[in-house]
Amino acid sequence: MGGVNLIYGLGMLDLGMTFSYEQLVIDAEIATMVNRVLRGIEVSDATLAVDVINEVQPGGTFLGEQHTIDFMKSESSQTKLFDRTMRSSWAAAGETDVKERANAMVQKILTEHKPTPLEQDAADKIRAIIVEAEKELL
């Protein structure tokens, strides 16, 4: 919130001497939540929902309102790794911790993800940069 726009070291352990795919997906999840906070809270007629407040009245509940459903998807931090369910639900689902869930996500990515290949022009430029860098090292 101080204006920094760089998150460094995702996936790194041991002062950057070790890399962990599990730590990478955990850190990426945290970075996503941080970005959501940095986006801020929109204040507009739509987000204030004064009409919904007037309809629900004190003592009512907003949970079943379409407005709440619509804005929950975009305004709250949606996480894939951090379990926010009640402890009893978490226990019934197998009591997995974040490392186990991260490992499952990593395995899914490694087996199912099909990256889009670079355009040949971009790949050629990268290869040229590597060749030049290797010449400097030798």
C-alpha atoms as a PDB file:
ATOM      1  CA  MET A   1       0.000   0.000   0.000  1.00  0.00           C
ATOM      2  CA  GLY A   2       3.120   2.163   0.070  1.00  0.00           C
ATOM      3  CA  GLY A   3       3.489   2.016  -3.710  1.00  0.00           C
ATOM      4  CA  VAL A   4       5.833  -0.943  -4.078  1.00  0.00           C
ATOM      5  CA  ASN A   5       5.006  -2.930  -7.187  1.00  0.00           C
ATOM      6  CA  LEU A   6       7.453  -5.826  -6.975  1.00  0.00           C
ATOM      7  CA  ILE A   7       7.016  -9.138  -5.249  1.00  0.00           C
ATOM      8  CA  TYR A   8      10.288 -11.048  -5.302  1.00  0.00           C
ATOM      9  CA  GLY A   9      11.347 -14.558  -4.429  1.00  0.00           C
ATOM     10  CA  LEU A  10       8.197 -16.576  -4.997  1.00  0.00           C
ATOM     11  CA  GLY A  11       8.981 -20.246  -4.444  1.00  0.00           C
ATOM     12  CA  MET A  12      12.384 -19.595  -2.900  1.00  0.00           C
ATOM     13  CA  LEU A  13      13.596 -21.288   0.275  1.00  0.00           C
ATOM     14  CA  ASP A  14      16.949 -21.195   2.092  1.00  0.00           C
ATOM     15  CA  LEU A  15      17.780 -17.620   1.059  1.00  0.00           C
ATOM     16  CA  GLY A  16      17.077 -18.468  -2.551  1.00  0.00           C
ATOM     17  CA  MET A  17      19.378 -21.478  -2.676  1.00  0.00           C
ATOM     18  CA  THR A  18      16.437 -23.863  -2.951  1.00  0.00           C
ATOM     19  CA  PHE A  19      13.241 -23.670  -4.971  1.00  0.00           C
ATOM     20  CA  SER A  20       9.939 -25.345  -4.141  1.00  0.00           C
ATOM     21  CA  TYR A  21       7.024 -25.699  -6.526  1.00  0.00           C
ATOM     22  CA  GLU A  22       4.724 -26.009  -3.517  1.00  0.00           C
ATOM     23  CA  GLN A  23       6.111 -22.793  -2.043  1.00  0.00           C
ATOM     24  CA  LEU A  24       5.685 -21.126  -5.437  1.00  0.00           C
ATOM     25  CA  VAL A  25       1.945 -21.847  -5.596  1.00  0.00           C
ATOM     26  CA  ILE A  26       1.513 -20.828  -1.935  1.00  0.00           C
ATOM     27  CA  ASP A  27       3.390 -17.568  -2.558  1.00  0.00           C
ATOM     28  CA  ALA A  28       1.405 -16.946  -5.751  1.00  0.00           C
ATOM     29  CA  GLU A  29      -1.805 -17.359  -3.765  1.00  0.00           C
ATOM     30  CA  ILE A  30      -0.571 -14.837  -1.191  1.00  0.00           C
ATOM     31  CA  ALA A  31       0.450 -12.424  -3.975  1.00  0.00           C
ATOM     32  CA  THR A  32      -3.038 -12.731  -5.468  1.00  0.00           C
ATOM     33  CA  MET A  33      -4.579 -11.837  -2.107  1.00  0.00           C
ATOM     34  CA  VAL A  34      -2.194  -8.877  -1.711  1.00  0.00           C
ATOM     35  CA  ASN A  35      -3.126  -7.641  -5.186  1.00  0.00           C
ATOM     36  CA  ARG A  36      -6.789  -7.846  -4.219  1.00  0.00           C
ATOM     37  CA  VAL A  37      -6.149  -5.661  -1.170  1.00  0.00           C
ATOM     38  CA  LEU A  38      -4.163  -3.175  -3.259  1.00  0.00           C
ATOM     39  CA  ARG A  39      -7.044  -2.877  -5.710  1.00  0.00           C
ATOM     40  CA  GLY A  40      -8.992  -1.233  -2.905  1.00  0.00           C
ATOM     41  CA  ILE A  41     -12.696  -0.997  -2.258  1.00  0.00           C
ATOM     42  CA  GLU A  42     -14.864   0.566  -4.915  1.00  0.00           C
ATOM     43  CA  VAL A  43     -17.427   2.970  -3.538  1.00  0.00           C
ATOM     44  CA  SER A  44     -20.280   3.530  -5.969  1.00  0.00           C
ATOM     45  CA  ASP A  45     -24.061   3.343  -6.082  1.00  0.00           C
ATOM     46  CA  ALA A  46     -23.746  -0.314  -7.103  1.00  0.00           C
ATOM     47  CA  THR A  47     -21.366  -1.281  -4.290  1.00  0.00           C
ATOM     48  CA  LEU A  48     -23.116   0.729  -1.589  1.00  0.00           C
ATOM     49  CA  ALA A  49     -26.397  -1.076  -2.362  1.00  0.00           C
ATOM     50  CA  VAL A  50     -28.514   1.372  -0.425  1.00  0.00           C
ATOM     51  CA  ASP A  51     -31.652  -0.063  -2.051  1.00  0.00           C
ATOM     52  CA  VAL A  52     -30.751  -3.565  -0.819  1.00  0.00           C
ATOM     53  CA  ILE A  53     -30.057  -2.226   2.681  1.00  0.00           C
ATOM     54  CA  ASN A  54     -33.475  -0.567   2.689  1.00  0.00           C
ATOM     55  CA  GLU A  55     -35.145  -3.804   1.555  1.00  0.00           C
ATOM     56  CA  VAL A  56     -33.398  -6.085   4.051  1.00  0.00           C
ATOM     57  CA  GLN A  57     -33.864  -3.801   7.059  1.00  0.00           C
ATOM     58  CA  PRO A  58     -32.192  -4.219  10.481  1.00  0.00           C
ATOM     59  CA  GLY A  59     -32.212  -7.803  11.717  1.00  0.00           C
ATOM     60  CA  GLY A  60     -32.402  -9.234   8.183  1.00  0.00           C
ATOM     61  CA  THR A  61     -29.701 -11.075   6.326  1.00  0.00           C
ATOM     62  CA  PHE A  62     -27.848 -10.104   3.172  1.00  0.00           C
ATOM     63  CA  LEU A  63     -26.503 -13.591   2.470  1.00  0.00           C
ATOM     64  CA  GLY A  64     -29.394 -14.620   0.226  1.00  0.00           C
ATOM     65  CA  GLU A  65     -29.514 -11.359  -1.726  1.00  0.00           C
ATOM     66  CA  GLN A  66     -28.454 -11.530  -5.387  1.00  0.00           C
ATOM     67  CA  HIS A  67     -26.390  -8.368  -4.871  1.00  0.00           C
ATOM     68  CA  THR A  68     -24.345 -10.123  -2.181  1.00  0.00           C
ATOM     69  CA  ILE A  69     -23.858 -13.186  -4.366  1.00  0.00           C
ATOM     70  CA  ASP A  70     -22.771 -11.086  -7.334  1.00  0.00           C
ATOM     71  CA  PHE A  71     -20.273  -8.980  -5.390  1.00  0.00           C
ATOM     72  CA  MET A  72     -18.869 -11.811  -3.221  1.00  0.00           C
ATOM     73  CA  LYS A  73     -17.283 -13.295  -6.337  1.00  0.00           C
ATOM     74  CA  SER A  74     -15.408 -10.128  -7.234  1.00  0.00           C
ATOM     75  CA  GLU A  75     -14.896  -8.361  -3.919  1.00  0.00           C
ATOM     76  CA  SER A  76     -13.714 -11.090  -1.577  1.00  0.00           C
ATOM     77  CA  SER A  77     -10.394 -12.864  -1.831  1.00  0.00           C
ATOM     78  CA  GLN A  78     -11.046 -16.258  -3.411  1.00  0.00           C
ATOM     79  CA  THR A  79      -8.375 -18.746  -2.431  1.00  0.00           C
ATOM     80  CA  LYS A  80      -7.673 -22.200  -3.807  1.00  0.00           C
ATOM     81  CA  LEU A  81      -5.158 -23.288  -1.159  1.00  0.00           C
ATOM     82  CA  PHE A  82      -6.174 -21.763   2.145  1.00  0.00           C
ATOM     83  CA  ASP A  83      -9.106 -23.596   3.691  1.00  0.00           C
ATOM     84  CA  ARG A  84     -11.592 -21.158   5.197  1.00  0.00           C
ATOM     85  CA  THR A  85     -14.228 -23.702   6.079  1.00  0.00           C
ATOM     86  CA  MET A  86     -15.347 -24.562   9.591  1.00  0.00           C
ATOM     87  CA  ARG A  87     -12.964 -26.885  11.418  1.00  0.00           C
ATOM     88  CA  SER A  88     -15.512 -29.714  11.366  1.00  0.00           C
ATOM     89  CA  SER A  89     -15.862 -29.414   7.573  1.00  0.00           C
ATOM     90  CA  TRP A  90     -12.078 -29.328   7.185  1.00  0.00           C
ATOM     91  CA  ALA A  91     -11.762 -32.450   9.361  1.00  0.00           C
ATOM     92  CA  ALA A  92     -14.471 -34.262   7.412  1.00  0.00           C
ATOM     93  CA  ALA A  93     -12.675 -33.423   4.147  1.00  0.00           C
ATOM     94  CA  GLY A  94      -9.456 -35.119   5.314  1.00  0.00           C
ATOM     95  CA  GLU A  95      -7.660 -32.467   7.387  1.00  0.00           C
ATOM     96  CA  THR A  96      -5.240 -31.580   4.597  1.00  0.00           C
ATOM     97  CA  ASP A  97      -2.803 -28.778   5.300  1.00  0.00           C
ATOM     98  CA  VAL A  98      -1.732 -26.077   2.866  1.00  0.00           C
ATOM     99  CA  LYS A  99       1.430 -27.956   1.872  1.00  0.00           C
ATOM    100  CA  GLU A 100      -0.608 -31.025   0.897  1.00  0.00           C
ATOM    101  CA  ARG A 101      -3.065 -28.908  -1.071  1.00  0.00           C
ATOM    102  CA  ALA A 102      -0.169 -27.064  -2.730  1.00  0.00           C
ATOM    103  CA  ASN A 103       1.439 -30.383  -3.692  1.00  0.00           C
ATOM    104  CA  ALA A 104      -1.823 -31.567  -5.250  1.00  0.00           C
ATOM    105  CA  MET A 105      -2.061 -28.322  -7.227  1.00  0.00           C
ATOM    106  CA  VAL A 106       1.563 -28.672  -8.397  1.00  0.00           C
ATOM    107  CA  GLN A 107       0.959 -32.251  -9.538  1.00  0.00           C
ATOM    108  CA  LYS A 108      -2.155 -31.155 -11.428  1.00  0.00           C
ATOM    109  CA  ILE A 109      -0.281 -28.320 -13.142  1.00  0.00           C
ATOM    110  CA  LEU A 110       2.679 -30.549 -14.051  1.00  0.00           C
ATOM    111  CA  THR A 111       0.484 -33.255 -15.554  1.00  0.00           C
ATOM    112  CA  GLU A 112      -2.271 -31.192 -17.189  1.00  0.00           C
ATOM    113  CA  HIS A 113      -0.941 -27.767 -18.147  1.00  0.00           C
ATOM    114  CA  LYS A 114      -0.181 -27.282 -21.829  1.00  0.00           C
ATOM    115  CA  PRO A 115       1.733 -24.008 -22.249  1.00  0.00           C
ATOM    116  CA  THR A 116       1.229 -21.916 -25.354  1.00  0.00           C
ATOM    117  CA  PRO A 117       4.486 -22.017 -27.322  1.00  0.00           C
ATOM    118  CA  LEU A 118       6.365 -18.776 -27.889  1.00  0.00           C
ATOM    119  CA  GLU A 119       6.120 -17.238 -31.322  1.00  0.00           C
ATOM    120  CA  GLN A 120       9.176 -18.254 -33.337  1.00  0.00           C
ATOM    121  CA  ASP A 121      10.427 -14.660 -33.553  1.00  0.00           C
ATOM    122  CA  ALA A 122      10.397 -14.310 -29.758  1.00  0.00           C
ATOM    123  CA  ALA A 123      12.061 -17.705 -29.287  1.00  0.00           C
ATOM    124  CA  ASP A 124      14.793 -16.727 -31.771  1.00  0.00           C
ATOM    125  CA  LYS A 125      15.466 -13.448 -29.923  1.00  0.00           C
ATOM    126  CA  ILE A 126      15.716 -15.248 -26.587  1.00  0.00           C
ATOM    127  CA  ARG A 127      18.070 -17.843 -28.094  1.00  0.00           C
ATOM    128  CA  ALA A 128      20.281 -15.024 -29.468  1.00  0.00           C
ATOM    129  CA  ILE A 129      20.447 -13.395 -26.019  1.00  0.00           C
ATOM    130  CA  ILE A 130      21.462 -16.722 -24.455  1.00  0.00           C
ATOM    131  CA  VAL A 131      24.153 -17.321 -27.090  1.00  0.00           C
ATOM    132  CA  GLU A 132      25.619 -13.851 -26.467  1.00  0.00           C
ATOM    133  CA  ALA A 133      25.511 -14.323 -22.684  1.00  0.00           C
ATOM    134  CA  GLU A 134      27.246 -17.696 -22.958  1.00  0.00           C
ATOM    135  CA  LYS A 135      30.051 -16.103 -25.029  1.00  0.00           C
ATOM    136  CA  GLU A 136      30.647 -13.617 -22.200  1.00  0.00           C
ATOM    137  CA  LEU A 137      30.872 -16.441 -19.654  1.00  0.00           C
ATOM    138  CA  LEU A 138      33.500 -18.394 -21.569  1.00  0.00           C
END
